[in-house]
């Protein structure tokens, strides 16, 4: 069994994988002010709530888009399981061929998503990660990472809208009954939810038009379950994609 952790800008996804089975997936808030001990307590609590004994964990791996927290979380993991985790980045084998202007710019979360999606669903692929930012990755028919797109995430868009307008309230994220809203809150929900739905559908169409053929599309991320079911395009929802990818990369680097 290994412990897999993906550190995003908003949440830290934590899970255990036994062989190829994901035992659980939980989320903790990303907080740069927390100490090593506070993170250790958080991780230990998650393991205990899911009936995982830390002595059963034989390895660990981290991917992160928050460089300032990597050493803190690494030390927290060492404290609770006594194992030094692998860190996804330069020097770690991933098996992914990255054909962009500067491969080092590609976020580790996108690398992990791509590794898992290629193994699970083949190629060509469009991979959509609906998180703090909504990221779109494109894999060609030779399994090369050829580029993608980045757009503001659902909550980022909502927070920006509310913070820059005097009369618009904070709202919960669930789709309204109708696209045409009859009040301010339903109008906001329609714009945020269906606006993102239409954006994803439209981006898939444009990418497929640019490459000249249809592609399998896979979505993951904390907010994918809200957006993806409303899309017209056929999109596979896989909330375990990151954890699966971390396990694949771990196996490539540990004998």
C-alpha atoms as a PDB file:
ATOM      1  CA  UNK A   1       0.000   0.000   0.000  1.00  0.00           C
ATOM      2  CA  UNK A   2       1.213   3.507  -0.812  1.00  0.00           C
ATOM      3  CA  UNK A   3       0.130   6.966   0.310  1.00  0.00           C
ATOM      4  CA  UNK A   4      -0.510   9.365  -2.582  1.00  0.00           C
ATOM      5  CA  UNK A   5      -0.871  13.107  -2.135  1.00  0.00           C
ATOM      6  CA  UNK A   6      -1.641  15.814  -4.677  1.00  0.00           C
ATOM      7  CA  UNK A   7      -1.231  19.377  -3.423  1.00  0.00           C
ATOM      8  CA  UNK A   8      -3.427  21.840  -5.303  1.00  0.00           C
ATOM      9  CA  UNK A   9      -3.906  25.550  -4.770  1.00  0.00           C
ATOM     10  CA  UNK A  10      -7.171  25.032  -2.864  1.00  0.00           C
ATOM     11  CA  UNK A  11      -7.188  21.415  -1.676  1.00  0.00           C
ATOM     12  CA  UNK A  12      -4.782  18.606  -0.911  1.00  0.00           C
ATOM     13  CA  UNK A  13      -6.054  15.285  -2.232  1.00  0.00           C
ATOM     14  CA  UNK A  14      -4.923  12.348  -0.126  1.00  0.00           C
ATOM     15  CA  UNK A  15      -5.507   8.669  -0.787  1.00  0.00           C
ATOM     16  CA  UNK A  16      -4.114   5.177  -0.306  1.00  0.00           C
ATOM     17  CA  UNK A  17      -3.669   2.692  -3.153  1.00  0.00           C
ATOM     18  CA  UNK A  18      -3.321  -1.022  -2.499  1.00  0.00           C
ATOM     19  CA  UNK A  19      -1.994  -2.683  -5.662  1.00  0.00           C
ATOM     20  CA  UNK A  20      -4.140  -0.844  -8.243  1.00  0.00           C
ATOM     21  CA  UNK A  21      -7.180  -0.259  -6.016  1.00  0.00           C
ATOM     22  CA  UNK A  22      -7.832   3.185  -4.567  1.00  0.00           C
ATOM     23  CA  UNK A  23      -8.844   2.548  -0.947  1.00  0.00           C
ATOM     24  CA  UNK A  24     -10.116   6.065  -0.294  1.00  0.00           C
ATOM     25  CA  UNK A  25      -9.866   9.669  -1.465  1.00  0.00           C
ATOM     26  CA  UNK A  26     -10.168  12.633   0.897  1.00  0.00           C
ATOM     27  CA  UNK A  27      -9.496  16.359   0.697  1.00  0.00           C
ATOM     28  CA  UNK A  28      -7.849  18.760   3.141  1.00  0.00           C
ATOM     29  CA  UNK A  29      -7.575  22.523   2.685  1.00  0.00           C
ATOM     30  CA  UNK A  30      -4.273  23.811   1.349  1.00  0.00           C
ATOM     31  CA  UNK A  31      -2.937  26.219   3.963  1.00  0.00           C
ATOM     32  CA  UNK A  32       0.566  27.670   3.752  1.00  0.00           C
ATOM     33  CA  UNK A  33       0.408  28.794   7.378  1.00  0.00           C
ATOM     34  CA  UNK A  34       0.110  25.247   8.743  1.00  0.00           C
ATOM     35  CA  UNK A  35       3.139  23.632  10.330  1.00  0.00           C
ATOM     36  CA  UNK A  36       4.611  20.200   9.674  1.00  0.00           C
ATOM     37  CA  UNK A  37       2.934  18.917  12.843  1.00  0.00           C
ATOM     38  CA  UNK A  38      -0.483  20.294  11.867  1.00  0.00           C
ATOM     39  CA  UNK A  39      -0.296  18.546   8.505  1.00  0.00           C
ATOM     40  CA  UNK A  40       0.915  15.350  10.162  1.00  0.00           C
ATOM     41  CA  UNK A  41      -2.094  15.414  12.495  1.00  0.00           C
ATOM     42  CA  UNK A  42      -4.409  16.011   9.532  1.00  0.00           C
ATOM     43  CA  UNK A  43      -2.972  13.126   7.500  1.00  0.00           C
ATOM     44  CA  UNK A  44      -2.965  10.803  10.505  1.00  0.00           C
ATOM     45  CA  UNK A  45      -6.613  11.621  11.217  1.00  0.00           C
ATOM     46  CA  UNK A  46      -7.568  10.884   7.601  1.00  0.00           C
ATOM     47  CA  UNK A  47      -5.825   7.501   7.773  1.00  0.00           C
ATOM     48  CA  UNK A  48      -7.526   6.630  11.053  1.00  0.00           C
ATOM     49  CA  UNK A  49     -10.974   7.648   9.761  1.00  0.00           C
ATOM     50  CA  UNK A  50     -10.467   5.295   6.826  1.00  0.00           C
ATOM     51  CA  UNK A  51      -9.192   2.459   9.042  1.00  0.00           C
ATOM     52  CA  UNK A  52      -5.682   2.533   7.580  1.00  0.00           C
ATOM     53  CA  UNK A  53      -2.783   1.563   9.839  1.00  0.00           C
ATOM     54  CA  UNK A  54       0.263   3.692   9.053  1.00  0.00           C
ATOM     55  CA  UNK A  55       2.511   0.637   9.480  1.00  0.00           C
ATOM     56  CA  UNK A  56       0.809  -0.923   6.436  1.00  0.00           C
ATOM     57  CA  UNK A  57       1.971   1.922   4.184  1.00  0.00           C
ATOM     58  CA  UNK A  58       5.234   1.009   2.466  1.00  0.00           C
ATOM     59  CA  UNK A  59       5.771   4.083   0.317  1.00  0.00           C
ATOM     60  CA  UNK A  60       4.513   7.554  -0.577  1.00  0.00           C
ATOM     61  CA  UNK A  61       4.496   9.993  -3.487  1.00  0.00           C
ATOM     62  CA  UNK A  62       3.647  13.699  -3.761  1.00  0.00           C
ATOM     63  CA  UNK A  63       2.720  15.927  -6.682  1.00  0.00           C
ATOM     64  CA  UNK A  64       2.367  19.630  -6.013  1.00  0.00           C
ATOM     65  CA  UNK A  65       1.637  22.972  -7.640  1.00  0.00           C
ATOM     66  CA  UNK A  66       2.484  24.733  -4.353  1.00  0.00           C
ATOM     67  CA  UNK A  67       6.310  24.586  -4.140  1.00  0.00           C
ATOM     68  CA  UNK A  68       6.469  26.400  -0.794  1.00  0.00           C
ATOM     69  CA  UNK A  69       4.599  23.569   0.941  1.00  0.00           C
ATOM     70  CA  UNK A  70       6.446  20.572  -0.494  1.00  0.00           C
ATOM     71  CA  UNK A  71       9.057  20.269   2.255  1.00  0.00           C
ATOM     72  CA  UNK A  72       6.465  20.800   5.005  1.00  0.00           C
ATOM     73  CA  UNK A  73       4.203  18.044   3.675  1.00  0.00           C
ATOM     74  CA  UNK A  74       7.184  15.780   2.941  1.00  0.00           C
ATOM     75  CA  UNK A  75       8.319  16.077   6.570  1.00  0.00           C
ATOM     76  CA  UNK A  76       4.760  15.494   7.817  1.00  0.00           C
ATOM     77  CA  UNK A  77       4.551  12.247   5.857  1.00  0.00           C
ATOM     78  CA  UNK A  78       7.940  11.119   7.177  1.00  0.00           C
ATOM     79  CA  UNK A  79       6.689  11.811  10.701  1.00  0.00           C
ATOM     80  CA  UNK A  80       3.567   9.630  10.444  1.00  0.00           C
ATOM     81  CA  UNK A  81       4.738   6.706   8.274  1.00  0.00           C
ATOM     82  CA  UNK A  82       8.540   6.803   8.582  1.00  0.00           C
ATOM     83  CA  UNK A  83       9.050   6.811   4.800  1.00  0.00           C
ATOM     84  CA  UNK A  84      10.508   9.545   2.589  1.00  0.00           C
ATOM     85  CA  UNK A  85       8.034  10.237  -0.237  1.00  0.00           C
ATOM     86  CA  UNK A  86       8.932  10.560  -3.901  1.00  0.00           C
ATOM     87  CA  UNK A  87       8.286  14.024  -5.365  1.00  0.00           C
ATOM     88  CA  UNK A  88       6.943  14.278  -8.922  1.00  0.00           C
ATOM     89  CA  UNK A  89       9.339  16.519 -10.831  1.00  0.00           C
ATOM     90  CA  UNK A  90      12.708  16.551 -12.580  1.00  0.00           C
ATOM     91  CA  UNK A  91      14.600  13.299 -12.099  1.00  0.00           C
ATOM     92  CA  UNK A  92      11.500  11.160 -11.635  1.00  0.00           C
ATOM     93  CA  UNK A  93      10.529   8.850 -14.489  1.00  0.00           C
ATOM     94  CA  UNK A  94       6.985   9.390 -15.766  1.00  0.00           C
ATOM     95  CA  UNK A  95       7.051   7.834 -19.238  1.00  0.00           C
ATOM     96  CA  UNK A  96       5.269  10.905 -20.652  1.00  0.00           C
ATOM     97  CA  UNK A  97       6.661  12.500 -23.821  1.00  0.00           C
ATOM     98  CA  UNK A  98       5.977  16.243 -23.512  1.00  0.00           C
ATOM     99  CA  UNK A  99       5.973  18.191 -26.788  1.00  0.00           C
ATOM    100  CA  UNK A 100       5.503  21.795 -25.660  1.00  0.00           C
ATOM    101  CA  UNK A 101       7.833  24.809 -25.858  1.00  0.00           C
ATOM    102  CA  UNK A 102       9.214  24.320 -22.347  1.00  0.00           C
ATOM    103  CA  UNK A 103       8.368  20.896 -20.843  1.00  0.00           C
ATOM    104  CA  UNK A 104       9.591  22.064 -17.415  1.00  0.00           C
ATOM    105  CA  UNK A 105       6.658  24.504 -17.267  1.00  0.00           C
ATOM    106  CA  UNK A 106       4.094  21.720 -17.248  1.00  0.00           C
ATOM    107  CA  UNK A 107       2.491  21.348 -13.815  1.00  0.00           C
ATOM    108  CA  UNK A 108       3.081  18.059 -12.042  1.00  0.00           C
ATOM    109  CA  UNK A 109      -0.677  17.572 -11.634  1.00  0.00           C
ATOM    110  CA  UNK A 110      -1.126  17.708 -15.411  1.00  0.00           C
ATOM    111  CA  UNK A 111       1.692  15.210 -15.881  1.00  0.00           C
ATOM    112  CA  UNK A 112       0.082  12.833 -13.389  1.00  0.00           C
ATOM    113  CA  UNK A 113      -3.378  13.226 -14.963  1.00  0.00           C
ATOM    114  CA  UNK A 114      -1.939  12.490 -18.411  1.00  0.00           C
ATOM    115  CA  UNK A 115       0.006   9.415 -17.284  1.00  0.00           C
ATOM    116  CA  UNK A 116      -3.119   7.911 -15.712  1.00  0.00           C
ATOM    117  CA  UNK A 117      -5.492   8.816 -18.543  1.00  0.00           C
ATOM    118  CA  UNK A 118      -3.233   7.351 -21.232  1.00  0.00           C
ATOM    119  CA  UNK A 119      -2.938   4.060 -19.377  1.00  0.00           C
ATOM    120  CA  UNK A 120      -6.638   3.920 -18.510  1.00  0.00           C
ATOM    121  CA  UNK A 121      -8.241   5.225 -21.714  1.00  0.00           C
ATOM    122  CA  UNK A 122      -5.605   5.163 -24.468  1.00  0.00           C
ATOM    123  CA  UNK A 123      -5.052   7.984 -26.958  1.00  0.00           C
ATOM    124  CA  UNK A 124      -5.851  10.457 -28.474  1.00  0.00           C
ATOM    125  CA  UNK A 125      -7.272  12.197 -25.428  1.00  0.00           C
ATOM    126  CA  UNK A 126      -8.563  15.430 -24.012  1.00  0.00           C
ATOM    127  CA  UNK A 127      -8.124  15.651 -20.226  1.00  0.00           C
ATOM    128  CA  UNK A 128     -10.037  18.291 -18.273  1.00  0.00           C
ATOM    129  CA  UNK A 129      -9.194  19.028 -14.633  1.00  0.00           C
ATOM    130  CA  UNK A 130     -11.882  21.185 -13.025  1.00  0.00           C
ATOM    131  CA  UNK A 131     -10.205  22.747  -9.997  1.00  0.00           C
ATOM    132  CA  UNK A 132      -9.005  26.181  -8.887  1.00  0.00           C
ATOM    133  CA  UNK A 133      -8.117  26.625 -12.537  1.00  0.00           C
ATOM    134  CA  UNK A 134      -9.786  24.548 -15.218  1.00  0.00           C
ATOM    135  CA  UNK A 135      -6.978  22.975 -17.215  1.00  0.00           C
ATOM    136  CA  UNK A 136      -7.299  21.183 -20.533  1.00  0.00           C
ATOM    137  CA  UNK A 137      -4.584  18.806 -21.737  1.00  0.00           C
ATOM    138  CA  UNK A 138      -4.366  17.299 -25.213  1.00  0.00           C
ATOM    139  CA  UNK A 139      -2.713  13.945 -25.958  1.00  0.00           C
ATOM    140  CA  UNK A 140      -2.154  12.985 -29.607  1.00  0.00           C
ATOM    141  CA  UNK A 141      -2.616   9.535 -31.133  1.00  0.00           C
ATOM    142  CA  UNK A 142       1.062   8.710 -30.428  1.00  0.00           C
ATOM    143  CA  UNK A 143       0.530   9.377 -26.699  1.00  0.00           C
ATOM    144  CA  UNK A 144       2.476  12.653 -26.774  1.00  0.00           C
ATOM    145  CA  UNK A 145       1.427  15.585 -24.593  1.00  0.00           C
ATOM    146  CA  UNK A 146       1.061  18.311 -27.244  1.00  0.00           C
ATOM    147  CA  UNK A 147      -0.403  21.225 -25.260  1.00  0.00           C
ATOM    148  CA  UNK A 148      -3.657  22.499 -23.839  1.00  0.00           C
ATOM    149  CA  UNK A 149      -5.469  25.456 -22.313  1.00  0.00           C
ATOM    150  CA  UNK A 150      -5.910  27.089 -18.903  1.00  0.00           C
ATOM    151  CA  UNK A 151      -8.969  29.089 -17.875  1.00  0.00           C
ATOM    152  CA  UNK A 152     -10.291  30.497 -14.586  1.00  0.00           C
ATOM    153  CA  UNK A 153     -11.888  27.843 -12.410  1.00  0.00           C
ATOM    154  CA  UNK A 154     -15.532  27.820 -11.361  1.00  0.00           C
ATOM    155  CA  UNK A 155     -14.900  29.186  -7.853  1.00  0.00           C
ATOM    156  CA  UNK A 156     -12.272  31.656  -9.055  1.00  0.00           C
ATOM    157  CA  UNK A 157     -14.794  33.100 -11.500  1.00  0.00           C
ATOM    158  CA  UNK A 158     -17.478  33.284  -8.821  1.00  0.00           C
ATOM    159  CA  UNK A 159     -15.145  34.867  -6.236  1.00  0.00           C
ATOM    160  CA  UNK A 160     -14.012  37.472  -8.766  1.00  0.00           C
ATOM    161  CA  UNK A 161     -17.600  38.289  -9.723  1.00  0.00           C
ATOM    162  CA  UNK A 162     -18.729  38.715  -6.113  1.00  0.00           C
ATOM    163  CA  UNK A 163     -15.667  40.657  -4.948  1.00  0.00           C
ATOM    164  CA  UNK A 164     -15.861  43.174  -7.801  1.00  0.00           C
ATOM    165  CA  UNK A 165     -19.587  43.907  -7.659  1.00  0.00           C
ATOM    166  CA  UNK A 166     -21.411  45.724  -4.865  1.00  0.00           C
ATOM    167  CA  UNK A 167     -24.789  43.996  -5.063  1.00  0.00           C
ATOM    168  CA  UNK A 168     -24.090  40.388  -6.043  1.00  0.00           C
ATOM    169  CA  UNK A 169     -24.177  37.908  -3.132  1.00  0.00           C
ATOM    170  CA  UNK A 170     -22.158  34.778  -2.522  1.00  0.00           C
ATOM    171  CA  UNK A 171     -24.029  31.731  -3.768  1.00  0.00           C
ATOM    172  CA  UNK A 172     -23.809  27.970  -3.485  1.00  0.00           C
ATOM    173  CA  UNK A 173     -22.705  26.003  -6.521  1.00  0.00           C
ATOM    174  CA  UNK A 174     -25.621  24.016  -7.841  1.00  0.00           C
ATOM    175  CA  UNK A 175     -27.334  24.394 -11.200  1.00  0.00           C
ATOM    176  CA  UNK A 176     -30.614  26.334 -11.311  1.00  0.00           C
ATOM    177  CA  UNK A 177     -33.729  24.682 -12.770  1.00  0.00           C
ATOM    178  CA  UNK A 178     -33.543  26.842 -15.888  1.00  0.00           C
ATOM    179  CA  UNK A 179     -30.784  28.498 -17.891  1.00  0.00           C
ATOM    180  CA  UNK A 180     -32.872  31.686 -17.982  1.00  0.00           C
ATOM    181  CA  UNK A 181     -32.814  32.903 -14.394  1.00  0.00           C
ATOM    182  CA  UNK A 182     -35.750  34.794 -12.871  1.00  0.00           C
ATOM    183  CA  UNK A 183     -33.839  36.308  -9.946  1.00  0.00           C
ATOM    184  CA  UNK A 184     -30.306  37.455  -9.167  1.00  0.00           C
ATOM    185  CA  UNK A 185     -29.171  34.232  -7.494  1.00  0.00           C
ATOM    186  CA  UNK A 186     -30.499  31.971 -10.263  1.00  0.00           C
ATOM    187  CA  UNK A 187     -28.987  34.281 -12.887  1.00  0.00           C
ATOM    188  CA  UNK A 188     -25.601  33.994 -11.171  1.00  0.00           C
ATOM    189  CA  UNK A 189     -25.895  30.218 -10.856  1.00  0.00           C
ATOM    190  CA  UNK A 190     -26.809  29.965 -14.519  1.00  0.00           C
ATOM    191  CA  UNK A 191     -23.890  32.116 -15.603  1.00  0.00           C
ATOM    192  CA  UNK A 192     -21.308  30.347 -13.441  1.00  0.00           C
ATOM    193  CA  UNK A 193     -22.513  26.759 -13.954  1.00  0.00           C
ATOM    194  CA  UNK A 194     -23.880  26.780 -17.501  1.00  0.00           C
ATOM    195  CA  UNK A 195     -21.236  29.257 -18.606  1.00  0.00           C
ATOM    196  CA  UNK A 196     -18.525  26.780 -17.610  1.00  0.00           C
ATOM    197  CA  UNK A 197     -20.490  23.894 -19.137  1.00  0.00           C
ATOM    198  CA  UNK A 198     -20.743  25.736 -22.453  1.00  0.00           C
ATOM    199  CA  UNK A 199     -17.071  26.688 -22.292  1.00  0.00           C
ATOM    200  CA  UNK A 200     -15.986  23.059 -21.862  1.00  0.00           C
ATOM    201  CA  UNK A 201     -18.292  21.822 -24.614  1.00  0.00           C
ATOM    202  CA  UNK A 202     -17.025  24.588 -26.888  1.00  0.00           C
ATOM    203  CA  UNK A 203     -13.348  23.953 -26.133  1.00  0.00           C
ATOM    204  CA  UNK A 204     -13.748  20.241 -26.895  1.00  0.00           C
ATOM    205  CA  UNK A 205     -15.317  21.129 -30.255  1.00  0.00           C
ATOM    206  CA  UNK A 206     -12.531  23.576 -31.105  1.00  0.00           C
ATOM    207  CA  UNK A 207      -9.748  21.143 -30.111  1.00  0.00           C
ATOM    208  CA  UNK A 208     -11.287  18.308 -32.152  1.00  0.00           C
ATOM    209  CA  UNK A 209     -11.668  20.678 -35.103  1.00  0.00           C
ATOM    210  CA  UNK A 210      -8.018  21.724 -34.813  1.00  0.00           C
ATOM    211  CA  UNK A 211      -6.647  18.165 -34.670  1.00  0.00           C
ATOM    212  CA  UNK A 212      -9.089  16.951 -37.312  1.00  0.00           C
ATOM    213  CA  UNK A 213     -10.722  14.046 -35.510  1.00  0.00           C
ATOM    214  CA  UNK A 214     -12.823  13.144 -32.473  1.00  0.00           C
ATOM    215  CA  UNK A 215     -11.081  12.332 -29.189  1.00  0.00           C
ATOM    216  CA  UNK A 216     -11.889  10.550 -25.943  1.00  0.00           C
ATOM    217  CA  UNK A 217     -12.481  13.133 -23.216  1.00  0.00           C
ATOM    218  CA  UNK A 218     -11.846  12.483 -19.521  1.00  0.00           C
ATOM    219  CA  UNK A 219     -12.591  14.894 -16.669  1.00  0.00           C
ATOM    220  CA  UNK A 220     -11.414  14.976 -13.078  1.00  0.00           C
ATOM    221  CA  UNK A 221     -11.056  17.481 -10.242  1.00  0.00           C
ATOM    222  CA  UNK A 222     -13.069  18.579  -7.255  1.00  0.00           C
ATOM    223  CA  UNK A 223     -15.778  20.426  -9.212  1.00  0.00           C
ATOM    224  CA  UNK A 224     -16.010  18.087 -12.206  1.00  0.00           C
ATOM    225  CA  UNK A 225     -18.978  16.269 -10.694  1.00  0.00           C
ATOM    226  CA  UNK A 226     -20.994  19.513 -10.812  1.00  0.00           C
ATOM    227  CA  UNK A 227     -20.077  20.586 -14.348  1.00  0.00           C
ATOM    228  CA  UNK A 228     -19.541  17.398 -16.377  1.00  0.00           C
ATOM    229  CA  UNK A 229     -23.043  15.849 -16.043  1.00  0.00           C
ATOM    230  CA  UNK A 230     -24.495  19.000 -17.637  1.00  0.00           C
ATOM    231  CA  UNK A 231     -22.205  18.921 -20.695  1.00  0.00           C
ATOM    232  CA  UNK A 232     -23.553  17.832 -24.080  1.00  0.00           C
ATOM    233  CA  UNK A 233     -20.276  16.178 -25.011  1.00  0.00           C
ATOM    234  CA  UNK A 234     -19.594  12.603 -23.943  1.00  0.00           C
ATOM    235  CA  UNK A 235     -17.114  13.047 -21.086  1.00  0.00           C
ATOM    236  CA  UNK A 236     -15.834  10.267 -18.811  1.00  0.00           C
ATOM    237  CA  UNK A 237     -15.796  11.384 -15.178  1.00  0.00           C
ATOM    238  CA  UNK A 238     -12.877   9.883 -13.237  1.00  0.00           C
ATOM    239  CA  UNK A 239     -12.358  11.414  -9.806  1.00  0.00           C
ATOM    240  CA  UNK A 240      -9.528   8.963  -9.018  1.00  0.00           C
ATOM    241  CA  UNK A 241      -7.374   9.946 -12.003  1.00  0.00           C
ATOM    242  CA  UNK A 242      -4.697  11.780 -10.003  1.00  0.00           C
ATOM    243  CA  UNK A 243      -4.288   8.996  -7.460  1.00  0.00           C
ATOM    244  CA  UNK A 244      -4.082   6.374 -10.219  1.00  0.00           C
ATOM    245  CA  UNK A 245      -1.401   8.426 -11.966  1.00  0.00           C
ATOM    246  CA  UNK A 246       0.640   8.826  -8.791  1.00  0.00           C
ATOM    247  CA  UNK A 247       0.604   5.053  -8.296  1.00  0.00           C
ATOM    248  CA  UNK A 248       1.759   4.467 -11.898  1.00  0.00           C
ATOM    249  CA  UNK A 249       4.635   6.945 -11.493  1.00  0.00           C
ATOM    250  CA  UNK A 250       5.550   5.477  -8.108  1.00  0.00           C
ATOM    251  CA  UNK A 251       5.791   1.982  -9.634  1.00  0.00           C
ATOM    252  CA  UNK A 252       8.011   3.297 -12.454  1.00  0.00           C
ATOM    253  CA  UNK A 253      10.518   4.629  -9.935  1.00  0.00           C
ATOM    254  CA  UNK A 254      10.542   1.953  -7.227  1.00  0.00           C
ATOM    255  CA  UNK A 255      11.784  -1.559  -7.802  1.00  0.00           C
END
